[in-house]
């Protein structure tokens, strides 16, 4: 195989540099604005060199219980992700292995649940949770997010389960494994990259979601995304506080993706089991 020429290597690095600049510039602006003094926030020309201030972060954790809001977001995101992975994986395995002429229709019906615009179901959810006494609780958001995430997990995991040869499961059953034990010990470990991908999508959606969190929570179960917008009012927009909160919200998603990175990379070798 021919090695790339110097010109090709330079073009590749330039392209990578452009992509990095495009994707990292918004993060830099959020991070720099979160430590920029308020008087020079909108200075023209922009101030690239300044003395950082931690005032905005100090306000987040002293004047507002922002740590509590982050905890609510973590509970909701992790709870919804765990429930979605459990039920979504079981449903995906059933759809992948059961041979029936209507199974594709069932799979499409599950996917159609993900097609509803959130604004069309937020009022029915509000009425249901208010009647059940679950309004302004993390459980309400976990139920809503799981309802949205499970169809996504089903379709993602079905593709990974289809890649696992049924001969491996038949061999495990010959060795005395039951269906559940075969699924747990043989099939699921081979589909671990799919679980990682599904977990990343579920966590990011649950962590960043705003509409349901705004409508279904109050002071007790408020999430970080809603809490950040409390600094936006008709009187003033406290951009420093908003940027500080936004930068903190970025961190758990990045950490979660990096944690799942090992299993994400393993997805490249899925075909080696055939």
C-alpha atoms as a PDB file:
ATOM      1  CA  UNK A   1       0.000   0.000   0.000  1.00  0.00           C
ATOM      2  CA  UNK A   2       1.412   3.361  -1.043  1.00  0.00           C
ATOM      3  CA  UNK A   3       2.152   5.863   1.698  1.00  0.00           C
ATOM      4  CA  UNK A   4       0.411   9.252   1.403  1.00  0.00           C
ATOM      5  CA  UNK A   5       2.546  11.995  -0.057  1.00  0.00           C
ATOM      6  CA  UNK A   6       3.653  15.039   1.918  1.00  0.00           C
ATOM      7  CA  UNK A   7       1.123  17.214   0.099  1.00  0.00           C
ATOM      8  CA  UNK A   8      -1.721  14.823   0.964  1.00  0.00           C
ATOM      9  CA  UNK A   9      -0.613  14.701   4.603  1.00  0.00           C
ATOM     10  CA  UNK A  10      -0.553  18.514   4.776  1.00  0.00           C
ATOM     11  CA  UNK A  11      -4.060  18.705   3.286  1.00  0.00           C
ATOM     12  CA  UNK A  12      -5.348  16.153   5.794  1.00  0.00           C
ATOM     13  CA  UNK A  13      -3.861  18.069   8.731  1.00  0.00           C
ATOM     14  CA  UNK A  14      -5.243  21.353   7.410  1.00  0.00           C
ATOM     15  CA  UNK A  15      -8.686  19.813   7.083  1.00  0.00           C
ATOM     16  CA  UNK A  16      -8.473  18.441  10.617  1.00  0.00           C
ATOM     17  CA  UNK A  17      -7.371  21.856  11.877  1.00  0.00           C
ATOM     18  CA  UNK A  18     -10.364  23.537  10.210  1.00  0.00           C
ATOM     19  CA  UNK A  19     -12.765  20.965  11.668  1.00  0.00           C
ATOM     20  CA  UNK A  20     -11.269  21.375  15.150  1.00  0.00           C
ATOM     21  CA  UNK A  21     -11.530  25.161  14.927  1.00  0.00           C
ATOM     22  CA  UNK A  22     -15.178  24.965  13.866  1.00  0.00           C
ATOM     23  CA  UNK A  23     -16.139  22.576  16.677  1.00  0.00           C
ATOM     24  CA  UNK A  24     -13.938  24.000  19.443  1.00  0.00           C
ATOM     25  CA  UNK A  25     -14.641  27.700  18.879  1.00  0.00           C
ATOM     26  CA  UNK A  26     -18.115  27.620  20.525  1.00  0.00           C
ATOM     27  CA  UNK A  27     -16.669  25.738  23.504  1.00  0.00           C
ATOM     28  CA  UNK A  28     -13.871  28.292  23.804  1.00  0.00           C
ATOM     29  CA  UNK A  29     -16.348  31.171  23.680  1.00  0.00           C
ATOM     30  CA  UNK A  30     -18.489  29.606  26.402  1.00  0.00           C
ATOM     31  CA  UNK A  31     -15.469  28.839  28.609  1.00  0.00           C
ATOM     32  CA  UNK A  32     -13.857  32.275  28.160  1.00  0.00           C
ATOM     33  CA  UNK A  33     -17.139  34.129  28.682  1.00  0.00           C
ATOM     34  CA  UNK A  34     -17.753  32.233  31.912  1.00  0.00           C
ATOM     35  CA  UNK A  35     -14.623  33.782  33.457  1.00  0.00           C
ATOM     36  CA  UNK A  36     -14.817  37.175  31.723  1.00  0.00           C
ATOM     37  CA  UNK A  37     -15.716  40.214  33.871  1.00  0.00           C
ATOM     38  CA  UNK A  38     -19.171  41.589  33.107  1.00  0.00           C
ATOM     39  CA  UNK A  39     -17.986  45.114  32.024  1.00  0.00           C
ATOM     40  CA  UNK A  40     -15.951  43.702  29.119  1.00  0.00           C
ATOM     41  CA  UNK A  41     -18.378  40.939  28.123  1.00  0.00           C
ATOM     42  CA  UNK A  42     -19.495  42.777  24.958  1.00  0.00           C
ATOM     43  CA  UNK A  43     -16.503  45.020  24.494  1.00  0.00           C
ATOM     44  CA  UNK A  44     -15.634  45.983  20.894  1.00  0.00           C
ATOM     45  CA  UNK A  45     -13.187  44.827  19.737  1.00  0.00           C
ATOM     46  CA  UNK A  46     -13.499  41.649  21.847  1.00  0.00           C
ATOM     47  CA  UNK A  47     -11.083  41.306  24.762  1.00  0.00           C
ATOM     48  CA  UNK A  48      -9.023  38.153  24.254  1.00  0.00           C
ATOM     49  CA  UNK A  49      -6.630  38.938  27.098  1.00  0.00           C
ATOM     50  CA  UNK A  50      -8.124  39.751  30.491  1.00  0.00           C
ATOM     51  CA  UNK A  51      -7.886  38.865  34.159  1.00  0.00           C
ATOM     52  CA  UNK A  52     -10.223  35.885  34.747  1.00  0.00           C
ATOM     53  CA  UNK A  53     -12.864  36.161  37.441  1.00  0.00           C
ATOM     54  CA  UNK A  54     -14.682  33.314  39.240  1.00  0.00           C
ATOM     55  CA  UNK A  55     -17.582  35.556  40.226  1.00  0.00           C
ATOM     56  CA  UNK A  56     -20.065  33.892  37.887  1.00  0.00           C
ATOM     57  CA  UNK A  57     -19.302  30.397  39.226  1.00  0.00           C
ATOM     58  CA  UNK A  58     -19.439  31.707  42.793  1.00  0.00           C
ATOM     59  CA  UNK A  59     -22.938  33.082  42.210  1.00  0.00           C
ATOM     60  CA  UNK A  60     -24.101  29.759  40.740  1.00  0.00           C
ATOM     61  CA  UNK A  61     -23.231  27.807  43.860  1.00  0.00           C
ATOM     62  CA  UNK A  62     -24.001  30.434  46.519  1.00  0.00           C
ATOM     63  CA  UNK A  63     -27.000  32.479  45.401  1.00  0.00           C
ATOM     64  CA  UNK A  64     -28.556  29.478  43.608  1.00  0.00           C
ATOM     65  CA  UNK A  65     -28.496  25.779  44.639  1.00  0.00           C
ATOM     66  CA  UNK A  66     -26.926  24.828  41.311  1.00  0.00           C
ATOM     67  CA  UNK A  67     -25.298  21.714  42.783  1.00  0.00           C
ATOM     68  CA  UNK A  68     -28.776  20.396  43.589  1.00  0.00           C
ATOM     69  CA  UNK A  69     -29.897  21.020  40.010  1.00  0.00           C
ATOM     70  CA  UNK A  70     -26.879  19.128  38.674  1.00  0.00           C
ATOM     71  CA  UNK A  71     -27.744  16.244  40.992  1.00  0.00           C
ATOM     72  CA  UNK A  72     -31.313  16.208  39.657  1.00  0.00           C
ATOM     73  CA  UNK A  73     -30.005  16.105  36.088  1.00  0.00           C
ATOM     74  CA  UNK A  74     -27.655  13.228  36.908  1.00  0.00           C
ATOM     75  CA  UNK A  75     -30.408  11.225  38.609  1.00  0.00           C
ATOM     76  CA  UNK A  76     -32.770  11.730  35.688  1.00  0.00           C
ATOM     77  CA  UNK A  77     -30.184  11.096  32.959  1.00  0.00           C
ATOM     78  CA  UNK A  78     -28.616   7.999  34.554  1.00  0.00           C
ATOM     79  CA  UNK A  79     -31.983   6.568  35.602  1.00  0.00           C
ATOM     80  CA  UNK A  80     -33.500   7.037  32.158  1.00  0.00           C
ATOM     81  CA  UNK A  81     -30.393   5.622  30.459  1.00  0.00           C
ATOM     82  CA  UNK A  82     -30.384   2.499  32.645  1.00  0.00           C
ATOM     83  CA  UNK A  83     -34.094   1.797  32.154  1.00  0.00           C
ATOM     84  CA  UNK A  84     -33.880   2.416  28.411  1.00  0.00           C
ATOM     85  CA  UNK A  85     -30.921   0.065  27.994  1.00  0.00           C
ATOM     86  CA  UNK A  86     -32.602  -2.754  29.939  1.00  0.00           C
ATOM     87  CA  UNK A  87     -35.999  -2.701  28.238  1.00  0.00           C
ATOM     88  CA  UNK A  88     -34.691  -1.575  24.861  1.00  0.00           C
ATOM     89  CA  UNK A  89     -32.094  -4.363  24.696  1.00  0.00           C
ATOM     90  CA  UNK A  90     -34.654  -7.034  25.588  1.00  0.00           C
ATOM     91  CA  UNK A  91     -37.095  -5.749  22.973  1.00  0.00           C
ATOM     92  CA  UNK A  92     -34.355  -5.476  20.340  1.00  0.00           C
ATOM     93  CA  UNK A  93     -33.198  -9.032  21.022  1.00  0.00           C
ATOM     94  CA  UNK A  94     -36.744 -10.341  20.654  1.00  0.00           C
ATOM     95  CA  UNK A  95     -37.267  -8.479  17.372  1.00  0.00           C
ATOM     96  CA  UNK A  96     -33.903  -9.692  16.067  1.00  0.00           C
ATOM     97  CA  UNK A  97     -34.453 -13.381  16.903  1.00  0.00           C
ATOM     98  CA  UNK A  98     -38.197 -13.989  16.522  1.00  0.00           C
ATOM     99  CA  UNK A  99     -39.103 -14.909  12.963  1.00  0.00           C
ATOM    100  CA  UNK A 100     -42.592 -13.637  12.178  1.00  0.00           C
ATOM    101  CA  UNK A 101     -44.018 -11.867   9.160  1.00  0.00           C
ATOM    102  CA  UNK A 102     -45.378  -9.048  11.340  1.00  0.00           C
ATOM    103  CA  UNK A 103     -42.157  -8.430  13.258  1.00  0.00           C
ATOM    104  CA  UNK A 104     -41.060  -5.636  10.906  1.00  0.00           C
ATOM    105  CA  UNK A 105     -44.412  -3.935  11.517  1.00  0.00           C
ATOM    106  CA  UNK A 106     -43.813  -4.150  15.267  1.00  0.00           C
ATOM    107  CA  UNK A 107     -40.354  -2.652  14.845  1.00  0.00           C
ATOM    108  CA  UNK A 108     -41.731   0.226  12.772  1.00  0.00           C
ATOM    109  CA  UNK A 109     -44.486   0.854  15.333  1.00  0.00           C
ATOM    110  CA  UNK A 110     -41.839   1.131  18.057  1.00  0.00           C
ATOM    111  CA  UNK A 111     -39.859   3.579  15.919  1.00  0.00           C
ATOM    112  CA  UNK A 112     -42.991   5.652  15.263  1.00  0.00           C
ATOM    113  CA  UNK A 113     -43.186   6.402  18.995  1.00  0.00           C
ATOM    114  CA  UNK A 114     -39.992   8.441  18.536  1.00  0.00           C
ATOM    115  CA  UNK A 115     -41.555  10.528  15.765  1.00  0.00           C
ATOM    116  CA  UNK A 116     -43.995  12.479  17.933  1.00  0.00           C
ATOM    117  CA  UNK A 117     -42.997  16.145  18.308  1.00  0.00           C
ATOM    118  CA  UNK A 118     -42.428  16.760  22.044  1.00  0.00           C
ATOM    119  CA  UNK A 119     -44.698  19.810  22.060  1.00  0.00           C
ATOM    120  CA  UNK A 120     -47.696  17.633  21.115  1.00  0.00           C
ATOM    121  CA  UNK A 121     -47.424  15.359  24.153  1.00  0.00           C
ATOM    122  CA  UNK A 122     -46.202  17.710  26.875  1.00  0.00           C
ATOM    123  CA  UNK A 123     -49.737  18.753  27.922  1.00  0.00           C
ATOM    124  CA  UNK A 124     -51.058  15.159  28.225  1.00  0.00           C
ATOM    125  CA  UNK A 125     -47.933  14.267  30.234  1.00  0.00           C
ATOM    126  CA  UNK A 126     -48.571  17.257  32.502  1.00  0.00           C
ATOM    127  CA  UNK A 127     -52.172  16.180  33.174  1.00  0.00           C
ATOM    128  CA  UNK A 128     -51.191  12.551  33.778  1.00  0.00           C
ATOM    129  CA  UNK A 129     -48.387  13.351  36.216  1.00  0.00           C
ATOM    130  CA  UNK A 130     -50.442  15.970  38.034  1.00  0.00           C
ATOM    131  CA  UNK A 131     -53.237  13.444  38.520  1.00  0.00           C
ATOM    132  CA  UNK A 132     -50.771  10.787  39.692  1.00  0.00           C
ATOM    133  CA  UNK A 133     -49.014  13.196  42.057  1.00  0.00           C
ATOM    134  CA  UNK A 134     -45.679  12.867  40.229  1.00  0.00           C
ATOM    135  CA  UNK A 135     -45.407  16.449  39.038  1.00  0.00           C
ATOM    136  CA  UNK A 136     -42.107  18.104  39.991  1.00  0.00           C
ATOM    137  CA  UNK A 137     -40.365  14.793  40.721  1.00  0.00           C
ATOM    138  CA  UNK A 138     -37.343  13.167  39.030  1.00  0.00           C
ATOM    139  CA  UNK A 139     -39.462  10.040  38.425  1.00  0.00           C
ATOM    140  CA  UNK A 140     -41.727  11.953  36.044  1.00  0.00           C
ATOM    141  CA  UNK A 141     -38.786  12.994  33.867  1.00  0.00           C
ATOM    142  CA  UNK A 142     -37.278   9.497  34.007  1.00  0.00           C
ATOM    143  CA  UNK A 143     -40.549   8.037  32.689  1.00  0.00           C
ATOM    144  CA  UNK A 144     -40.831  10.633  29.912  1.00  0.00           C
ATOM    145  CA  UNK A 145     -37.218  10.305  28.789  1.00  0.00           C
ATOM    146  CA  UNK A 146     -37.341   6.503  28.921  1.00  0.00           C
ATOM    147  CA  UNK A 147     -40.425   6.569  26.703  1.00  0.00           C
ATOM    148  CA  UNK A 148     -38.464   8.583  24.146  1.00  0.00           C
ATOM    149  CA  UNK A 149     -35.189   6.665  24.488  1.00  0.00           C
ATOM    150  CA  UNK A 150     -36.423   3.066  24.388  1.00  0.00           C
ATOM    151  CA  UNK A 151     -37.444   3.165  20.662  1.00  0.00           C
ATOM    152  CA  UNK A 152     -33.989   4.548  19.817  1.00  0.00           C
ATOM    153  CA  UNK A 153     -32.271   1.807  21.819  1.00  0.00           C
ATOM    154  CA  UNK A 154     -34.418  -0.860  20.151  1.00  0.00           C
ATOM    155  CA  UNK A 155     -33.383   0.193  16.661  1.00  0.00           C
ATOM    156  CA  UNK A 156     -29.726   0.651  17.514  1.00  0.00           C
ATOM    157  CA  UNK A 157     -29.406  -2.630  19.413  1.00  0.00           C
ATOM    158  CA  UNK A 158     -31.337  -4.612  16.806  1.00  0.00           C
ATOM    159  CA  UNK A 159     -28.597  -3.899  14.294  1.00  0.00           C
ATOM    160  CA  UNK A 160     -25.906  -5.097  16.701  1.00  0.00           C
ATOM    161  CA  UNK A 161     -27.839  -8.234  17.654  1.00  0.00           C
ATOM    162  CA  UNK A 162     -28.289  -9.038  13.962  1.00  0.00           C
ATOM    163  CA  UNK A 163     -24.480  -9.036  13.659  1.00  0.00           C
ATOM    164  CA  UNK A 164     -24.102 -11.712  16.361  1.00  0.00           C
ATOM    165  CA  UNK A 165     -24.205 -15.184  14.720  1.00  0.00           C
ATOM    166  CA  UNK A 166     -27.025 -17.353  16.008  1.00  0.00           C
ATOM    167  CA  UNK A 167     -24.590 -20.306  15.833  1.00  0.00           C
ATOM    168  CA  UNK A 168     -22.859 -18.959  18.938  1.00  0.00           C
ATOM    169  CA  UNK A 169     -26.134 -18.990  20.847  1.00  0.00           C
ATOM    170  CA  UNK A 170     -26.938 -22.501  19.627  1.00  0.00           C
ATOM    171  CA  UNK A 171     -23.530 -23.689  20.804  1.00  0.00           C
ATOM    172  CA  UNK A 172     -24.141 -22.131  24.225  1.00  0.00           C
ATOM    173  CA  UNK A 173     -27.511 -23.877  24.489  1.00  0.00           C
ATOM    174  CA  UNK A 174     -25.874 -27.188  23.613  1.00  0.00           C
ATOM    175  CA  UNK A 175     -23.544 -26.571  26.576  1.00  0.00           C
ATOM    176  CA  UNK A 176     -26.581 -26.270  28.836  1.00  0.00           C
ATOM    177  CA  UNK A 177     -27.303 -22.539  28.864  1.00  0.00           C
ATOM    178  CA  UNK A 178     -30.918 -21.356  28.883  1.00  0.00           C
ATOM    179  CA  UNK A 179     -32.246 -18.500  26.768  1.00  0.00           C
ATOM    180  CA  UNK A 180     -31.755 -15.867  29.465  1.00  0.00           C
ATOM    181  CA  UNK A 181     -28.279 -17.128  30.376  1.00  0.00           C
ATOM    182  CA  UNK A 182     -27.290 -17.266  26.710  1.00  0.00           C
ATOM    183  CA  UNK A 183     -28.468 -13.687  26.225  1.00  0.00           C
ATOM    184  CA  UNK A 184     -26.637 -12.474  29.330  1.00  0.00           C
ATOM    185  CA  UNK A 185     -23.359 -14.391  28.942  1.00  0.00           C
ATOM    186  CA  UNK A 186     -22.941 -14.665  25.160  1.00  0.00           C
ATOM    187  CA  UNK A 187     -25.030 -12.255  23.111  1.00  0.00           C
ATOM    188  CA  UNK A 188     -25.002  -9.150  25.270  1.00  0.00           C
ATOM    189  CA  UNK A 189     -21.199  -9.034  25.790  1.00  0.00           C
ATOM    190  CA  UNK A 190     -20.688  -9.283  22.024  1.00  0.00           C
ATOM    191  CA  UNK A 191     -23.125  -6.390  21.545  1.00  0.00           C
ATOM    192  CA  UNK A 192     -21.432  -4.235  24.216  1.00  0.00           C
ATOM    193  CA  UNK A 193     -20.379  -1.590  21.639  1.00  0.00           C
ATOM    194  CA  UNK A 194     -24.059  -1.174  20.785  1.00  0.00           C
ATOM    195  CA  UNK A 195     -24.866  -0.679  24.454  1.00  0.00           C
ATOM    196  CA  UNK A 196     -22.182   2.005  24.652  1.00  0.00           C
ATOM    197  CA  UNK A 197     -23.523   3.846  21.612  1.00  0.00           C
ATOM    198  CA  UNK A 198     -27.091   3.611  22.909  1.00  0.00           C
ATOM    199  CA  UNK A 199     -26.038   4.781  26.365  1.00  0.00           C
ATOM    200  CA  UNK A 200     -24.288   7.829  24.924  1.00  0.00           C
ATOM    201  CA  UNK A 201     -27.345   8.883  22.899  1.00  0.00           C
ATOM    202  CA  UNK A 202     -29.739   8.267  25.796  1.00  0.00           C
ATOM    203  CA  UNK A 203     -27.596  10.134  28.306  1.00  0.00           C
ATOM    204  CA  UNK A 204     -27.012  13.149  26.057  1.00  0.00           C
ATOM    205  CA  UNK A 205     -30.720  13.442  25.222  1.00  0.00           C
ATOM    206  CA  UNK A 206     -31.802  13.135  28.861  1.00  0.00           C
ATOM    207  CA  UNK A 207     -29.082  15.480  30.090  1.00  0.00           C
ATOM    208  CA  UNK A 208     -29.712  18.256  27.555  1.00  0.00           C
ATOM    209  CA  UNK A 209     -33.517  18.060  27.246  1.00  0.00           C
ATOM    210  CA  UNK A 210     -35.247  21.340  28.090  1.00  0.00           C
ATOM    211  CA  UNK A 211     -38.954  21.383  27.174  1.00  0.00           C
ATOM    212  CA  UNK A 212     -40.208  18.542  29.394  1.00  0.00           C
ATOM    213  CA  UNK A 213     -37.906  19.611  32.221  1.00  0.00           C
ATOM    214  CA  UNK A 214     -39.347  23.132  32.027  1.00  0.00           C
ATOM    215  CA  UNK A 215     -42.989  22.063  31.959  1.00  0.00           C
ATOM    216  CA  UNK A 216     -42.945  19.113  34.382  1.00  0.00           C
ATOM    217  CA  UNK A 217     -40.653  20.387  37.150  1.00  0.00           C
ATOM    218  CA  UNK A 218     -40.612  23.221  39.650  1.00  0.00           C
ATOM    219  CA  UNK A 219     -38.257  24.053  42.473  1.00  0.00           C
ATOM    220  CA  UNK A 220     -37.747  20.479  43.753  1.00  0.00           C
ATOM    221  CA  UNK A 221     -36.832  18.516  40.619  1.00  0.00           C
ATOM    222  CA  UNK A 222     -35.544  21.344  38.428  1.00  0.00           C
ATOM    223  CA  UNK A 223     -32.676  20.277  36.169  1.00  0.00           C
ATOM    224  CA  UNK A 224     -29.510  22.179  35.334  1.00  0.00           C
ATOM    225  CA  UNK A 225     -30.645  23.158  31.836  1.00  0.00           C
ATOM    226  CA  UNK A 226     -33.741  24.878  33.209  1.00  0.00           C
ATOM    227  CA  UNK A 227     -31.811  26.424  36.104  1.00  0.00           C
ATOM    228  CA  UNK A 228     -29.387  28.108  33.699  1.00  0.00           C
ATOM    229  CA  UNK A 229     -32.244  29.883  31.930  1.00  0.00           C
ATOM    230  CA  UNK A 230     -33.393  31.402  35.235  1.00  0.00           C
ATOM    231  CA  UNK A 231     -30.672  34.013  34.690  1.00  0.00           C
ATOM    232  CA  UNK A 232     -32.597  35.210  31.620  1.00  0.00           C
ATOM    233  CA  UNK A 233     -35.392  37.597  32.523  1.00  0.00           C
ATOM    234  CA  UNK A 234     -37.210  40.604  31.101  1.00  0.00           C
ATOM    235  CA  UNK A 235     -35.110  42.907  33.275  1.00  0.00           C
ATOM    236  CA  UNK A 236     -31.640  41.638  32.367  1.00  0.00           C
ATOM    237  CA  UNK A 237     -29.732  38.776  30.821  1.00  0.00           C
ATOM    238  CA  UNK A 238     -26.837  37.692  33.035  1.00  0.00           C
ATOM    239  CA  UNK A 239     -24.633  36.241  30.313  1.00  0.00           C
ATOM    240  CA  UNK A 240     -21.721  35.483  32.627  1.00  0.00           C
ATOM    241  CA  UNK A 241     -23.880  33.253  34.849  1.00  0.00           C
ATOM    242  CA  UNK A 242     -25.470  31.585  31.817  1.00  0.00           C
ATOM    243  CA  UNK A 243     -22.079  30.831  30.270  1.00  0.00           C
ATOM    244  CA  UNK A 244     -20.721  29.478  33.572  1.00  0.00           C
ATOM    245  CA  UNK A 245     -23.708  27.173  33.960  1.00  0.00           C
ATOM    246  CA  UNK A 246     -23.524  26.105  30.313  1.00  0.00           C
ATOM    247  CA  UNK A 247     -19.853  25.185  30.637  1.00  0.00           C
ATOM    248  CA  UNK A 248     -20.567  23.074  33.724  1.00  0.00           C
ATOM    249  CA  UNK A 249     -23.373  21.327  31.839  1.00  0.00           C
ATOM    250  CA  UNK A 250     -20.913  20.410  29.069  1.00  0.00           C
ATOM    251  CA  UNK A 251     -18.602  18.492  31.417  1.00  0.00           C
ATOM    252  CA  UNK A 252     -20.719  15.409  32.388  1.00  0.00           C
ATOM    253  CA  UNK A 253     -21.540  14.653  28.747  1.00  0.00           C
ATOM    254  CA  UNK A 254     -17.866  14.748  27.764  1.00  0.00           C
ATOM    255  CA  UNK A 255     -16.906  12.563  30.737  1.00  0.00           C
ATOM    256  CA  UNK A 256     -19.633  10.044  29.907  1.00  0.00           C
ATOM    257  CA  UNK A 257     -18.558   9.776  26.266  1.00  0.00           C
ATOM    258  CA  UNK A 258     -14.900   9.327  27.254  1.00  0.00           C
ATOM    259  CA  UNK A 259     -15.916   6.628  29.745  1.00  0.00           C
ATOM    260  CA  UNK A 260     -17.724   4.695  27.017  1.00  0.00           C
ATOM    261  CA  UNK A 261     -14.955   5.281  24.461  1.00  0.00           C
ATOM    262  CA  UNK A 262     -13.365   1.849  24.980  1.00  0.00           C
ATOM    263  CA  UNK A 263     -16.596   0.069  24.025  1.00  0.00           C
ATOM    264  CA  UNK A 264     -17.234   2.478  21.174  1.00  0.00           C
ATOM    265  CA  UNK A 265     -13.884   1.555  19.610  1.00  0.00           C
ATOM    266  CA  UNK A 266     -14.668  -2.146  19.999  1.00  0.00           C
ATOM    267  CA  UNK A 267     -17.570  -1.642  17.597  1.00  0.00           C
ATOM    268  CA  UNK A 268     -15.029  -1.601  14.751  1.00  0.00           C
ATOM    269  CA  UNK A 269     -14.228  -5.292  15.387  1.00  0.00           C
ATOM    270  CA  UNK A 270     -17.805  -6.586  15.616  1.00  0.00           C
ATOM    271  CA  UNK A 271     -17.509  -8.478  12.340  1.00  0.00           C
ATOM    272  CA  UNK A 272     -14.548 -10.569  13.534  1.00  0.00           C
ATOM    273  CA  UNK A 273     -16.853 -13.023  15.322  1.00  0.00           C
ATOM    274  CA  UNK A 274     -18.318 -14.299  12.083  1.00  0.00           C
END
